[in-house]
Amino acid sequence: MEAKPTDSFSMDAGEPAGGGLAGRLWFPRGLSSSVAKEWFERRRLAIRPWSGFVDQRKFSKPRNFGELCQRVVRNLDTYQSNYTFIFLGLILYCIISSPMLLVALAVFVGAFYIIHLKSLESKLVVFGRELTGAHQMGLAGAVSLPVFWLAGAGTAVFWVLGATLAVIGSHAAFHELEGANIEELTMEPV
């Protein structure tokens, strides 16, 4: 079973076969395990110290709306990696705390993997058209949609978004700026 040259999930000639997780799984060409590891490592290195991030002495109510906006913008820029890990932690908590969501994700990954293996054996043709990688992903999503619906995936998505906005928004609004970063925001007449 050779991979087709146009297959977006085939391994490149430079990739070692069977070497690590990336060798056993097929990733789309634009998304490889090395790209994900590099992104994760950059985020990890850019994390500000958690002790300063949660220090209660550095929280106060903003004096006015201008200061609130300034704090939000600067804190989002300063603590971007910390906020990313909070978001990922909330997603992980939501998935782990919902067994049905775990089952739904397993069904989706399994359906996609089976469809992908079938496409490696021979061309998958539906209604006279060959299925591309995006079509395969859509088919796997359609197969697993009822399970996601039963698992309450929509509720989980909105819960994660709401919790993220509440936690990150309140931290960004109430965490004081560093001494060197404080500049008074002035409004100019129009």
N, C-alpha and C. Protein backbone atom coordinates (compact mmCIF):
# COMPACT_ATOMS: atom_id res chain seq x y z
N MET A 1 0.83 -1.18 0.00
CA MET A 1 0.00 0.00 0.00
C MET A 1 0.87 1.24 0.00
N GLU A 2 1.12 1.80 -1.13
CA GLU A 2 1.91 3.00 -1.21
C GLU A 2 1.00 4.21 -1.15
N ALA A 3 1.50 5.26 -0.56
CA ALA A 3 0.74 6.50 -0.49
C ALA A 3 0.78 7.18 -1.85
N LYS A 4 -0.34 7.78 -2.21
CA LYS A 4 -0.41 8.49 -3.47
C LYS A 4 0.44 9.75 -3.38
N PRO A 5 1.07 10.18 -4.49
CA PRO A 5 1.91 11.37 -4.44
C PRO A 5 1.13 12.62 -4.06
N THR A 6 -0.15 12.68 -4.36
CA THR A 6 -0.94 13.86 -4.03
C THR A 6 -1.59 13.75 -2.66
N ASP A 7 -1.29 12.71 -1.93
CA ASP A 7 -1.88 12.51 -0.61
C ASP A 7 -1.28 13.49 0.37
N SER A 8 -2.10 14.34 0.97
CA SER A 8 -1.60 15.35 1.90
C SER A 8 -1.20 14.75 3.23
N PHE A 9 -1.47 13.46 3.45
CA PHE A 9 -1.11 12.82 4.71
C PHE A 9 0.05 11.86 4.57
N SER A 10 0.64 11.79 3.39
CA SER A 10 1.74 10.85 3.20
C SER A 10 3.00 11.41 3.85
N MET A 11 3.91 10.51 4.15
CA MET A 11 5.16 10.92 4.76
C MET A 11 6.10 11.42 3.68
N ASP A 12 6.86 12.45 4.00
CA ASP A 12 7.85 12.97 3.07
C ASP A 12 9.04 12.01 3.02
N ALA A 13 9.83 12.13 1.95
CA ALA A 13 10.99 11.25 1.81
C ALA A 13 12.01 11.48 2.91
N GLY A 14 12.08 12.70 3.45
CA GLY A 14 13.05 13.02 4.48
C GLY A 14 12.63 12.57 5.87
N GLU A 15 11.38 12.16 6.05
CA GLU A 15 10.91 11.75 7.37
C GLU A 15 11.27 10.30 7.62
N PRO A 16 11.72 10.00 8.82
CA PRO A 16 12.04 8.60 9.12
C PRO A 16 10.77 7.79 9.29
N ALA A 17 10.74 6.63 8.70
CA ALA A 17 9.58 5.76 8.83
C ALA A 17 9.62 5.07 10.17
N GLY A 18 8.52 5.17 10.89
CA GLY A 18 8.40 4.49 12.17
C GLY A 18 9.16 5.16 13.29
N GLY A 19 9.73 6.32 13.08
CA GLY A 19 10.49 7.00 14.12
C GLY A 19 9.60 7.86 14.99
N GLY A 20 9.25 7.42 16.15
CA GLY A 20 8.45 8.20 17.08
C GLY A 20 6.99 8.24 16.68
N LEU A 21 6.26 9.10 17.35
CA LEU A 21 4.83 9.23 17.11
C LEU A 21 4.54 9.75 15.71
N ALA A 22 5.36 10.67 15.23
CA ALA A 22 5.13 11.24 13.90
C ALA A 22 5.31 10.19 12.82
N GLY A 23 6.17 9.21 13.04
CA GLY A 23 6.37 8.17 12.05
C GLY A 23 5.22 7.19 11.99
N ARG A 24 4.50 7.03 13.10
CA ARG A 24 3.39 6.08 13.13
C ARG A 24 2.08 6.71 12.68
N LEU A 25 1.94 8.01 12.88
CA LEU A 25 0.71 8.70 12.51
C LEU A 25 0.96 9.54 11.27
N TRP A 26 -0.07 9.75 10.50
CA TRP A 26 0.05 10.60 9.34
C TRP A 26 -0.50 11.96 9.69
N PHE A 27 0.32 12.98 9.49
CA PHE A 27 -0.10 14.35 9.71
C PHE A 27 -0.22 15.04 8.37
N PRO A 28 -1.15 15.99 8.24
CA PRO A 28 -1.18 16.78 7.01
C PRO A 28 0.16 17.48 6.84
N ARG A 29 0.55 17.71 5.61
CA ARG A 29 1.88 18.28 5.36
C ARG A 29 2.09 19.61 6.07
N GLY A 30 1.08 20.44 6.18
CA GLY A 30 1.22 21.73 6.85
C GLY A 30 1.25 21.60 8.36
N LEU A 31 0.87 20.45 8.89
CA LEU A 31 0.80 20.26 10.34
C LEU A 31 1.61 19.02 10.70
N SER A 32 2.79 19.23 11.18
CA SER A 32 3.62 18.10 11.59
C SER A 32 3.85 18.17 13.09
N SER A 33 4.31 17.10 13.65
CA SER A 33 4.55 17.09 15.09
C SER A 33 5.66 18.05 15.45
N SER A 34 6.63 18.26 14.56
CA SER A 34 7.72 19.19 14.87
C SER A 34 7.21 20.63 14.92
N VAL A 35 6.26 20.97 14.08
CA VAL A 35 5.68 22.31 14.10
C VAL A 35 4.92 22.52 15.41
N ALA A 36 4.15 21.52 15.82
CA ALA A 36 3.40 21.63 17.07
C ALA A 36 4.35 21.71 18.26
N LYS A 37 5.40 20.89 18.25
CA LYS A 37 6.37 20.94 19.35
C LYS A 37 7.07 22.30 19.41
N GLU A 38 7.44 22.83 18.25
CA GLU A 38 8.11 24.13 18.20
C GLU A 38 7.19 25.23 18.73
N TRP A 39 5.92 25.22 18.33
CA TRP A 39 4.97 26.22 18.81
C TRP A 39 4.81 26.11 20.33
N PHE A 40 4.64 24.89 20.81
CA PHE A 40 4.48 24.66 22.25
C PHE A 40 5.71 25.12 23.02
N GLU A 41 6.88 24.83 22.50
CA GLU A 41 8.12 25.22 23.17
C GLU A 41 8.29 26.74 23.20
N ARG A 42 7.95 27.42 22.10
CA ARG A 42 8.01 28.89 22.09
C ARG A 42 7.06 29.48 23.12
N ARG A 43 5.85 28.92 23.20
CA ARG A 43 4.88 29.39 24.20
C ARG A 43 5.39 29.14 25.62
N ARG A 44 5.98 27.98 25.84
CA ARG A 44 6.47 27.62 27.17
C ARG A 44 7.60 28.55 27.61
N LEU A 45 8.49 28.88 26.67
CA LEU A 45 9.61 29.75 27.01
C LEU A 45 9.17 31.19 27.23
N ALA A 46 8.05 31.60 26.65
CA ALA A 46 7.58 32.98 26.78
C ALA A 46 6.69 33.19 28.01
N ILE A 47 6.48 32.16 28.80
CA ILE A 47 5.63 32.30 29.99
C ILE A 47 6.29 33.21 31.00
N ARG A 48 5.51 34.15 31.52
CA ARG A 48 5.98 35.00 32.61
C ARG A 48 5.85 34.20 33.90
N PRO A 49 6.61 34.53 34.92
CA PRO A 49 6.54 33.77 36.18
C PRO A 49 5.12 33.75 36.75
N TRP A 50 4.68 32.55 37.14
CA TRP A 50 3.32 32.40 37.65
C TRP A 50 3.15 33.10 38.99
N SER A 51 4.23 33.23 39.76
CA SER A 51 4.12 33.91 41.06
C SER A 51 3.74 35.37 40.87
N GLY A 52 4.30 36.04 39.89
CA GLY A 52 3.92 37.42 39.60
C GLY A 52 2.57 37.52 38.91
N PHE A 53 2.23 36.48 38.19
CA PHE A 53 0.96 36.45 37.47
C PHE A 53 -0.23 36.42 38.43
N VAL A 54 -0.10 35.71 39.55
CA VAL A 54 -1.21 35.56 40.49
C VAL A 54 -0.99 36.32 41.80
N ASP A 55 0.02 37.17 41.88
CA ASP A 55 0.30 37.94 43.09
C ASP A 55 -0.87 38.88 43.39
N GLN A 56 -1.53 38.66 44.52
CA GLN A 56 -2.74 39.42 44.86
C GLN A 56 -2.44 40.90 45.11
N ARG A 57 -1.22 41.23 45.48
CA ARG A 57 -0.87 42.64 45.74
C ARG A 57 -0.82 43.45 44.46
N LYS A 58 -0.77 42.80 43.32
CA LYS A 58 -0.68 43.51 42.03
C LYS A 58 -2.04 43.69 41.37
N PHE A 59 -3.11 43.45 42.10
CA PHE A 59 -4.45 43.63 41.54
C PHE A 59 -5.11 44.84 42.17
N SER A 60 -5.74 45.64 41.35
CA SER A 60 -6.48 46.79 41.84
C SER A 60 -7.54 47.18 40.81
N LYS A 61 -8.46 47.98 41.27
CA LYS A 61 -9.52 48.47 40.39
C LYS A 61 -8.97 49.60 39.54
N PRO A 62 -9.19 49.57 38.22
CA PRO A 62 -8.72 50.68 37.38
C PRO A 62 -9.43 51.98 37.74
N ARG A 63 -8.72 53.11 37.61
CA ARG A 63 -9.29 54.41 37.97
C ARG A 63 -10.37 54.86 36.99
N ASN A 64 -10.17 54.56 35.71
CA ASN A 64 -11.13 55.00 34.70
C ASN A 64 -11.14 54.02 33.53
N PHE A 65 -11.99 54.28 32.57
CA PHE A 65 -12.13 53.38 31.43
C PHE A 65 -10.86 53.35 30.59
N GLY A 66 -10.18 54.48 30.47
CA GLY A 66 -8.94 54.53 29.70
C GLY A 66 -7.87 53.62 30.31
N GLU A 67 -7.75 53.66 31.64
CA GLU A 67 -6.78 52.79 32.30
C GLU A 67 -7.17 51.33 32.15
N LEU A 68 -8.47 51.05 32.21
CA LEU A 68 -8.96 49.68 32.01
C LEU A 68 -8.55 49.16 30.64
N CYS A 69 -8.79 49.96 29.61
CA CYS A 69 -8.43 49.55 28.25
C CYS A 69 -6.93 49.36 28.10
N GLN A 70 -6.16 50.27 28.70
CA GLN A 70 -4.70 50.17 28.63
C GLN A 70 -4.21 48.90 29.33
N ARG A 71 -4.78 48.59 30.49
CA ARG A 71 -4.39 47.38 31.21
C ARG A 71 -4.70 46.13 30.39
N VAL A 72 -5.89 46.09 29.82
CA VAL A 72 -6.29 44.91 29.05
C VAL A 72 -5.34 44.70 27.87
N VAL A 73 -5.05 45.76 27.12
CA VAL A 73 -4.19 45.63 25.94
C VAL A 73 -2.78 45.21 26.35
N ARG A 74 -2.21 45.89 27.33
CA ARG A 74 -0.83 45.58 27.75
C ARG A 74 -0.72 44.21 28.40
N ASN A 75 -1.70 43.85 29.26
CA ASN A 75 -1.63 42.55 29.91
C ASN A 75 -1.84 41.41 28.92
N LEU A 76 -2.70 41.61 27.92
CA LEU A 76 -2.86 40.58 26.89
C LEU A 76 -1.56 40.37 26.13
N ASP A 77 -0.83 41.45 25.90
CA ASP A 77 0.45 41.34 25.22
C ASP A 77 1.51 40.73 26.13
N THR A 78 1.55 41.15 27.38
CA THR A 78 2.57 40.69 28.32
C THR A 78 2.39 39.23 28.70
N TYR A 79 1.16 38.84 28.99
CA TYR A 79 0.88 37.50 29.52
C TYR A 79 0.23 36.58 28.49
N GLN A 80 0.49 36.80 27.22
CA GLN A 80 -0.14 36.02 26.16
C GLN A 80 0.09 34.51 26.33
N SER A 81 1.30 34.11 26.64
CA SER A 81 1.58 32.68 26.80
C SER A 81 0.91 32.12 28.04
N ASN A 82 0.87 32.88 29.12
CA ASN A 82 0.17 32.42 30.32
C ASN A 82 -1.31 32.21 30.01
N TYR A 83 -1.90 33.14 29.29
CA TYR A 83 -3.31 33.03 28.93
C TYR A 83 -3.55 31.84 28.01
N THR A 84 -2.60 31.56 27.11
CA THR A 84 -2.73 30.41 26.23
C THR A 84 -2.78 29.12 27.04
N PHE A 85 -1.91 29.00 28.04
CA PHE A 85 -1.91 27.79 28.86
C PHE A 85 -3.15 27.70 29.75
N ILE A 86 -3.69 28.83 30.17
CA ILE A 86 -4.96 28.80 30.91
C ILE A 86 -6.06 28.27 30.00
N PHE A 87 -6.10 28.75 28.76
CA PHE A 87 -7.10 28.29 27.79
C PHE A 87 -6.95 26.79 27.53
N LEU A 88 -5.73 26.33 27.30
CA LEU A 88 -5.50 24.90 27.07
C LEU A 88 -5.87 24.07 28.30
N GLY A 89 -5.59 24.61 29.49
CA GLY A 89 -5.95 23.91 30.72
C GLY A 89 -7.46 23.78 30.87
N LEU A 90 -8.20 24.83 30.51
CA LEU A 90 -9.66 24.77 30.59
C LEU A 90 -10.22 23.76 29.58
N ILE A 91 -9.63 23.70 28.40
CA ILE A 91 -10.06 22.71 27.40
C ILE A 91 -9.80 21.30 27.94
N LEU A 92 -8.61 21.09 28.48
CA LEU A 92 -8.26 19.78 29.02
C LEU A 92 -9.19 19.39 30.16
N TYR A 93 -9.48 20.33 31.06
CA TYR A 93 -10.41 20.06 32.17
C TYR A 93 -11.78 19.68 31.64
N CYS A 94 -12.26 20.39 30.64
CA CYS A 94 -13.58 20.13 30.08
C CYS A 94 -13.63 18.74 29.44
N ILE A 95 -12.58 18.37 28.72
CA ILE A 95 -12.57 17.06 28.06
C ILE A 95 -12.47 15.94 29.09
N ILE A 96 -11.59 16.10 30.07
CA ILE A 96 -11.40 15.05 31.07
C ILE A 96 -12.63 14.89 31.96
N SER A 97 -13.30 15.99 32.26
CA SER A 97 -14.45 15.92 33.17
C SER A 97 -15.72 15.42 32.49
N SER A 98 -15.68 15.22 31.19
CA SER A 98 -16.85 14.73 30.46
C SER A 98 -16.50 13.44 29.72
N PRO A 99 -16.82 12.29 30.30
CA PRO A 99 -16.50 11.02 29.64
C PRO A 99 -17.14 10.88 28.26
N MET A 100 -18.35 11.41 28.09
CA MET A 100 -18.99 11.31 26.78
C MET A 100 -18.24 12.12 25.72
N LEU A 101 -17.66 13.24 26.14
CA LEU A 101 -16.87 14.04 25.21
C LEU A 101 -15.61 13.28 24.80
N LEU A 102 -15.02 12.55 25.73
CA LEU A 102 -13.88 11.70 25.40
C LEU A 102 -14.28 10.63 24.38
N VAL A 103 -15.45 10.04 24.57
CA VAL A 103 -15.95 9.02 23.63
C VAL A 103 -16.19 9.66 22.26
N ALA A 104 -16.77 10.85 22.23
CA ALA A 104 -17.04 11.53 20.97
C ALA A 104 -15.74 11.83 20.23
N LEU A 105 -14.71 12.30 20.95
CA LEU A 105 -13.43 12.57 20.32
C LEU A 105 -12.80 11.28 19.79
N ALA A 106 -12.93 10.20 20.55
CA ALA A 106 -12.40 8.91 20.10
C ALA A 106 -13.12 8.43 18.84
N VAL A 107 -14.43 8.63 18.78
CA VAL A 107 -15.20 8.25 17.58
C VAL A 107 -14.74 9.07 16.38
N PHE A 108 -14.53 10.37 16.57
CA PHE A 108 -14.09 11.23 15.47
C PHE A 108 -12.71 10.81 14.96
N VAL A 109 -11.77 10.62 15.89
CA VAL A 109 -10.41 10.23 15.48
C VAL A 109 -10.44 8.85 14.82
N GLY A 110 -11.21 7.93 15.38
CA GLY A 110 -11.32 6.59 14.79
C GLY A 110 -11.93 6.62 13.40
N ALA A 111 -13.00 7.40 13.23
CA ALA A 111 -13.65 7.50 11.92
C ALA A 111 -12.70 8.10 10.90
N PHE A 112 -11.99 9.15 11.29
CA PHE A 112 -11.06 9.77 10.36
C PHE A 112 -9.93 8.81 9.99
N TYR A 113 -9.43 8.07 10.96
CA TYR A 113 -8.33 7.13 10.71
C TYR A 113 -8.79 6.00 9.78
N ILE A 114 -9.96 5.47 10.01
CA ILE A 114 -10.48 4.40 9.15
C ILE A 114 -10.69 4.91 7.73
N ILE A 115 -11.26 6.11 7.59
CA ILE A 115 -11.48 6.68 6.26
C ILE A 115 -10.14 6.91 5.56
N HIS A 116 -9.18 7.40 6.32
CA HIS A 116 -7.86 7.65 5.73
C HIS A 116 -7.21 6.34 5.28
N LEU A 117 -7.29 5.28 6.08
CA LEU A 117 -6.72 3.99 5.69
C LEU A 117 -7.41 3.44 4.44
N LYS A 118 -8.72 3.60 4.36
CA LYS A 118 -9.45 3.15 3.16
C LYS A 118 -9.00 3.93 1.93
N SER A 119 -8.71 5.22 2.10
CA SER A 119 -8.28 6.02 0.96
C SER A 119 -6.88 5.65 0.51
N LEU A 120 -6.06 5.09 1.40
CA LEU A 120 -4.73 4.65 1.00
C LEU A 120 -4.80 3.38 0.16
N GLU A 121 -5.78 2.52 0.46
CA GLU A 121 -5.95 1.28 -0.30
C GLU A 121 -6.39 1.57 -1.72
N SER A 122 -7.38 2.42 -1.86
CA SER A 122 -7.87 2.79 -3.19
C SER A 122 -8.56 4.15 -3.07
N LYS A 123 -8.80 4.75 -4.21
CA LYS A 123 -9.45 6.06 -4.22
C LYS A 123 -10.86 5.92 -3.64
N LEU A 124 -11.20 6.85 -2.78
CA LEU A 124 -12.57 6.90 -2.26
C LEU A 124 -13.37 7.82 -3.16
N VAL A 125 -14.38 7.27 -3.79
CA VAL A 125 -15.20 8.03 -4.71
C VAL A 125 -16.64 8.02 -4.19
N VAL A 126 -17.19 9.20 -4.01
CA VAL A 126 -18.57 9.34 -3.57
C VAL A 126 -19.27 10.25 -4.57
N PHE A 127 -20.38 9.77 -5.15
CA PHE A 127 -21.14 10.50 -6.16
C PHE A 127 -20.25 10.94 -7.32
N GLY A 128 -19.30 10.07 -7.71
CA GLY A 128 -18.46 10.36 -8.86
C GLY A 128 -17.30 11.30 -8.59
N ARG A 129 -17.07 11.67 -7.33
CA ARG A 129 -15.98 12.58 -7.01
C ARG A 129 -15.04 11.93 -6.01
N GLU A 130 -13.74 12.12 -6.21
CA GLU A 130 -12.75 11.58 -5.28
C GLU A 130 -12.71 12.44 -4.02
N LEU A 131 -12.62 11.79 -2.86
CA LEU A 131 -12.58 12.51 -1.59
C LEU A 131 -11.17 13.02 -1.30
N THR A 132 -11.05 14.31 -1.09
CA THR A 132 -9.76 14.90 -0.70
C THR A 132 -9.63 14.80 0.82
N GLY A 133 -8.51 15.28 1.36
CA GLY A 133 -8.29 15.26 2.80
C GLY A 133 -9.36 16.04 3.56
N ALA A 134 -9.74 17.18 3.02
CA ALA A 134 -10.78 17.99 3.66
C ALA A 134 -12.13 17.27 3.63
N HIS A 135 -12.41 16.61 2.50
CA HIS A 135 -13.65 15.85 2.41
C HIS A 135 -13.66 14.70 3.40
N GLN A 136 -12.51 14.04 3.57
CA GLN A 136 -12.41 12.95 4.53
C GLN A 136 -12.66 13.45 5.95
N MET A 137 -12.09 14.60 6.27
CA MET A 137 -12.31 15.19 7.60
C MET A 137 -13.79 15.53 7.78
N GLY A 138 -14.42 16.07 6.76
CA GLY A 138 -15.84 16.38 6.83
C GLY A 138 -16.70 15.13 7.00
N LEU A 139 -16.33 14.06 6.29
CA LEU A 139 -17.05 12.80 6.42
C LEU A 139 -16.91 12.23 7.84
N ALA A 140 -15.70 12.28 8.38
CA ALA A 140 -15.49 11.83 9.76
C ALA A 140 -16.30 12.68 10.74
N GLY A 141 -16.37 13.98 10.48
CA GLY A 141 -17.17 14.86 11.33
C GLY A 141 -18.65 14.54 11.24
N ALA A 142 -19.12 14.25 10.03
CA ALA A 142 -20.53 13.90 9.84
C ALA A 142 -20.88 12.59 10.54
N VAL A 143 -19.95 11.62 10.48
CA VAL A 143 -20.18 10.34 11.14
C VAL A 143 -20.23 10.51 12.66
N SER A 144 -19.36 11.36 13.19
CA SER A 144 -19.27 11.52 14.65
C SER A 144 -20.16 12.64 15.20
N LEU A 145 -20.83 13.39 14.33
CA LEU A 145 -21.68 14.50 14.78
C LEU A 145 -22.75 14.07 15.78
N PRO A 146 -23.47 12.97 15.55
CA PRO A 146 -24.48 12.57 16.54
C PRO A 146 -23.88 12.29 17.93
N VAL A 147 -22.69 11.72 17.95
CA VAL A 147 -22.05 11.43 19.24
C VAL A 147 -21.64 12.74 19.92
N PHE A 148 -21.10 13.70 19.14
CA PHE A 148 -20.77 15.01 19.71
C PHE A 148 -22.02 15.69 20.24
N TRP A 149 -23.12 15.58 19.51
CA TRP A 149 -24.36 16.20 19.95
C TRP A 149 -24.84 15.58 21.25
N LEU A 150 -24.80 14.25 21.33
CA LEU A 150 -25.20 13.57 22.58
C LEU A 150 -24.27 13.91 23.74
N ALA A 151 -23.01 14.15 23.45
CA ALA A 151 -22.03 14.45 24.50
C ALA A 151 -22.13 15.89 24.97
N GLY A 152 -22.87 16.72 24.27
CA GLY A 152 -23.00 18.11 24.65
C GLY A 152 -21.77 18.93 24.30
N ALA A 153 -21.20 18.67 23.14
CA ALA A 153 -19.98 19.36 22.73
C ALA A 153 -20.21 20.86 22.55
N GLY A 154 -21.39 21.24 22.07
CA GLY A 154 -21.68 22.67 21.92
C GLY A 154 -21.67 23.39 23.25
N THR A 155 -22.24 22.76 24.25
CA THR A 155 -22.23 23.34 25.59
C THR A 155 -20.80 23.45 26.11
N ALA A 156 -20.01 22.42 25.86
CA ALA A 156 -18.61 22.43 26.32
C ALA A 156 -17.83 23.55 25.65
N VAL A 157 -18.04 23.77 24.36
CA VAL A 157 -17.33 24.83 23.65
C VAL A 157 -17.69 26.19 24.25
N PHE A 158 -18.98 26.42 24.46
CA PHE A 158 -19.38 27.72 25.01
C PHE A 158 -18.94 27.87 26.46
N TRP A 159 -18.89 26.78 27.22
CA TRP A 159 -18.40 26.85 28.59
C TRP A 159 -16.93 27.24 28.60
N VAL A 160 -16.12 26.61 27.73
CA VAL A 160 -14.70 26.93 27.67
C VAL A 160 -14.49 28.37 27.25
N LEU A 161 -15.23 28.83 26.23
CA LEU A 161 -15.08 30.22 25.80
C LEU A 161 -15.49 31.20 26.89
N GLY A 162 -16.61 30.93 27.56
CA GLY A 162 -17.06 31.81 28.64
C GLY A 162 -16.10 31.83 29.81
N ALA A 163 -15.63 30.66 30.23
CA ALA A 163 -14.69 30.59 31.35
C ALA A 163 -13.38 31.27 30.99
N THR A 164 -12.94 31.10 29.76
CA THR A 164 -11.69 31.74 29.32
C THR A 164 -11.84 33.26 29.32
N LEU A 165 -12.94 33.75 28.77
CA LEU A 165 -13.15 35.19 28.75
C LEU A 165 -13.27 35.76 30.16
N ALA A 166 -13.93 35.04 31.06
CA ALA A 166 -14.08 35.52 32.43
C ALA A 166 -12.74 35.55 33.16
N VAL A 167 -11.98 34.47 33.07
CA VAL A 167 -10.71 34.40 33.80
C VAL A 167 -9.68 35.36 33.21
N ILE A 168 -9.49 35.28 31.90
CA ILE A 168 -8.48 36.11 31.26
C ILE A 168 -8.89 37.58 31.27
N GLY A 169 -10.16 37.84 31.00
CA GLY A 169 -10.63 39.23 31.00
C GLY A 169 -10.51 39.89 32.35
N SER A 170 -10.87 39.17 33.40
CA SER A 170 -10.76 39.78 34.74
C SER A 170 -9.30 39.95 35.13
N HIS A 171 -8.44 39.00 34.79
CA HIS A 171 -7.02 39.16 35.12
C HIS A 171 -6.44 40.35 34.35
N ALA A 172 -6.72 40.43 33.07
CA ALA A 172 -6.18 41.52 32.25
C ALA A 172 -6.68 42.88 32.70
N ALA A 173 -7.91 42.94 33.17
CA ALA A 173 -8.48 44.23 33.59
C ALA A 173 -8.00 44.68 34.96
N PHE A 174 -7.78 43.75 35.87
CA PHE A 174 -7.47 44.13 37.25
C PHE A 174 -6.00 44.00 37.63
N HIS A 175 -5.17 43.36 36.81
CA HIS A 175 -3.75 43.23 37.12
C HIS A 175 -3.05 44.54 36.75
N GLU A 176 -2.34 45.12 37.74
CA GLU A 176 -1.66 46.39 37.51
C GLU A 176 -0.51 46.22 36.53
N LEU A 177 -0.24 47.29 35.80
CA LEU A 177 0.87 47.26 34.86
C LEU A 177 2.18 47.43 35.60
N GLU A 178 3.26 46.96 35.00
CA GLU A 178 4.60 47.12 35.57
C GLU A 178 4.90 48.61 35.67
N GLY A 179 5.79 48.99 36.57
CA GLY A 179 6.13 50.40 36.80
C GLY A 179 6.62 51.10 35.56
N ALA A 180 7.42 50.43 34.72
CA ALA A 180 7.96 51.05 33.51
C ALA A 180 6.91 51.16 32.41
N ASN A 181 5.84 50.39 32.51
CA ASN A 181 4.84 50.37 31.45
C ASN A 181 3.70 51.35 31.67
N ILE A 182 3.69 52.05 32.80
CA ILE A 182 2.56 52.93 33.10
C ILE A 182 2.72 54.24 32.35
N GLU A 183 1.80 54.50 31.48
CA GLU A 183 1.70 55.77 30.77
C GLU A 183 0.24 56.21 30.86
N GLU A 184 0.03 57.47 31.05
CA GLU A 184 -1.34 57.94 31.15
C GLU A 184 -1.95 57.98 29.76
N LEU A 185 -3.11 57.40 29.62
CA LEU A 185 -3.83 57.39 28.36
C LEU A 185 -4.60 58.69 28.27
N THR A 186 -4.30 59.48 27.28
CA THR A 186 -4.99 60.76 27.13
C THR A 186 -5.86 60.74 25.89
N MET A 187 -6.97 61.39 26.02
CA MET A 187 -7.91 61.48 24.89
C MET A 187 -7.68 62.83 24.21
N GLU A 188 -7.56 62.82 22.92
CA GLU A 188 -7.38 64.05 22.17
C GLU A 188 -8.72 64.49 21.61
N PRO A 189 -8.97 65.78 21.59
CA PRO A 189 -10.25 66.25 21.03
C PRO A 189 -10.28 66.00 19.53
N VAL A 190 -11.47 65.73 19.06
CA VAL A 190 -11.65 65.44 17.63
C VAL A 190 -12.01 66.68 16.89
